[in-house]
Amino acid sequence: MKHIEFMKQRQKFGLVSVVVFVTSLIILSTIGLEKSVDFEGGTKLTVNFAESDIAIGDLRDRVNQVDSKATIVRMEAESGSSFQIKIKNPTVEEGKEAEASLARLRGLEKGFGTFNNEEAERIALIQKTAEPVLANRLLRDNPYNIVGTDDEKKAAYDAVAAKIKQSLDGVGDVEALAAKIETDAERQGKLSQALILQYPALNRTTNDLLNALLTDANPLNRAAPASYGDVTAQIIDFREKHGDFAPAFGELSAALTLPSGEDKAALDSFFANNFILGHYKVVSNETFSPSIASELLLDAIEAIILALIAILIYIAVRFRLGYAVASVVALVHDVIIALGAFAVAGLVLGSELSNPVVAAFLTIVGYSLNDTIVVFDRIRENLNTAKTDDVESHMNKSINQTLSRTIVTSLTTFFVVAVIYWGSNNATLRDFALPLLIGIVVGTYSSIFVASPVLLLWHDRYKPINK
């Protein structure tokens, strides 16, 4: 490979580094970083749909009814559709964060359900339920936490069941139904939540809950103590074979095998009268309060600072203080420029600072340090065997000797990360890959044009590194 005079160009590249570094600081101080809900507060959830043709625009129309500033990203899915929804820093009354989070989730769920009219299905089930049966269910769950004799509780819920049956005309969901029955907002919430739990979605019901519901109702009249583990295991297995969503009650029923003598029609009737099918599933739901989010951000900053301090100590022990200072200067250079570029990406691409991004920046620190140590190790070896005191010449020789290794390693890593970024629809992987792409380029540059010139400056101005 041709011998390149890198060190003779250090002033030109030093000027470039200073300009880009200062520009990055200005960008960070004016534009700033777009923070994710991890560091700003809010809600982040992932929802899967049975259908593969859910358009992101149609989903946005539903989500906008809860928060018009929410961001939606389509995720990779083996079947159906998957989306990540982020609602950042919503306006919430102090002390009401939990209630607000529950209300947001319920609002989103109602929107998700409109793709297949799930709310109308639930209202239809309530209409089919006989008033005494409905009263007994309410009495069993006691959503109002009524304290009194059994007769007093029964009378109270008999009255509620009667009001429910009288109020069903014209309502589209259980919240609207509860609002027609109760004037108190808290009681409305308790009643609507009770009705949702009494008529759950089969495709969103866990194995344990499904077993408990079947055992309690015992539609097959099994001898006590009844267990429906065999039935629920088949249901879960059927769902898993169909992308986690049973396509229809009839197909599910046909796939079930019951012991001889048991009436499958009774089981079918139980499902038809007590469950909606369910075409979506919230697979993750994380809520961060603003105070906790700010603590997480401080922890992330602390992690990066501690990493830099640890690196300074490590290199000072392994090499000399001059090498440590040069390494840390190069790392600070890399992190600030990468952060500045990421801030611009936030404006253009909507990239946000999140936990995966912090992990990526810590990876950048390690990657850049590795390149720098390889060069420094060769510089030390060449200085130890040198017959002359021309440190600049030996540094240039060392950079040239390690250049092919640096380029091959950087290009290989860059191409792998590029495939992850441009070839993946997974938002978390893309968040992690973008700062890595920036960091690989900046880190390779700094190991040649920042770390070694700073080390030479230390040698000339403070303490020789070859003595």
Foldseek 3Di string as FASTA:
>chain_A
DDQDQLLVCLVVVVVVLVVLLVLLVVLCVPLNFFAFCLQFWFKKFKKFFQAQPDDPVLLLVQLVVLPNPKDKFWADAPHGTMIMIGDGDDDDDPPCQVVSQVVSVVSSVVSVCVVPLVQQLLLVLLLVDDLVVQLVLCLVVVLVPDDDDSVVSSVVSSVVSVLLNVQSPPDRHLLVSLVSRDVDPVSSVSRRVSSCVQADAPLADDLVRVQVVCQVVVLQPDDPVDTDSLLSVLLQVCCVVSRSADPDLVVSLVSDDDPPPTDSVSVSVCCSNGYHHDGMYTPDMDTDHRVSSNVVVVVLVVVVVVLLVVQQVVCCVVANNLLSVLLSVLLVSLLSSLSSVSSVCCVVVVQHDDPLLSVLSVVLSVVLSVLLVQLVVQLLVCLVPDPDPPSSVSSSVSCVVCVVVLVVVLVVVLVVLVCQQVVGSHPSSNSNSSSNNSSSVSSSCCSSNRSVNSSVVCCVPPNNRSD
